Amino acid sequence: MSTVEKSEQQRLSVFKTYKLYVGGKFPRSESGRVYEVTDSKGKWLANAPQSSRKDARDAVVAARKAFGGWSGATAYNRGQILYRIAEMLEGRKDQFTREVADAEGLSKSKAAAVVDAAIDRWVWYAGWTDKIAQVVGGANPVAGPYFNLSSPEPTGVVTVLAPQESSFLGLISVIAPVIATGNTAIVIASENSPLPALSLGEVLATSDLPGGVVNILSGKTAEIAPSLAAHQDVNAIDLAGADETLAKELEIAAADNLKRVLRPQPVDYAETPGTERLTAFLETKTVWHPTGSLGAGGSSY
């Protein structure tokens, strides 16, 4: 028997340590807690960090710090960065296929189809970065010698409760539109299937996305979400992954600083999305400017 064959028989498996993704770094939970993640048949897969309220506050600080640079980048540049992320996802398809199959109890072929759809969805949103303003903005007809122009602006820091059942396609479908429009995000991963989300953090860290634009927390959704819903420096919240009871609680908490709230609704993530999630976290800025006069005749332009 060769040395290599003996080594293969004797070596120990190297289990992956999953960590949070906050501010472009990979901290363990401040609490030091973890919880077991199992597949659809109850088989142990990994220990995931169980985030605390302190982790959530750290994520808000990171998202706010990143907001100015990300929202100030050109839409074209944001699109290029999002496309680069899709390239990185494409290179790690096998890993995500395995994680999605374990998380959702799918065959390898079906999981691969889900991952393909998720990457395509990311590319689709990347293409919208420099087009959404043309759809929802424009010149407004007014009575008087003025230009009146409306343009979309990002809302700010957005908390996203990832869908509980769709561990990857649903996850991509709620993250991509938030950052495509210039917002920064704090994502609470699916409680039972957080591994694809935590692996996504590794992709984001090795892409051109600035640290803090996306921050990914894992743990008990009902424990982490209330502090984020009530946080005064969070501007909006997407309740996609909340049940009806939790959604109502979070909506009440969010009202304290007039957060934008996108309530949970039945969604088939396999269907082509419209622009609803792109426009959900945009504000409209309207600018008035006098046209002025030309020549002695008083004509305007």
Foldseek 3Di string as FASTA:
>chain_A
DDPVVVCVVPDDDDADDFAWAAQLDGDAAPVPDWDFAFFPVRHTRYTYGAHAQVLVVRLLVLQQVCQVVQQPDALLVLLVLLLQLLVLLVVCLVVQLVLQCRHQVDDSVVSSVLSVLQSVLSNVLSVCLNPVQVVPWAWDDDPAQKTKTKGKGFQEEEEEEFAQNSQRLSNSNQLRLNSSPRYAYEYEGRANRRVSVSVSSVSSSPTPNRGSSYTYDYHDCLRHQQSQLQDLSHAAYEPQHPDPVSQVSSVVSNPVNDHQYHGHDDDDSSDDDDCCSNCSRIDMDMDMDGQFADDPVRHGD
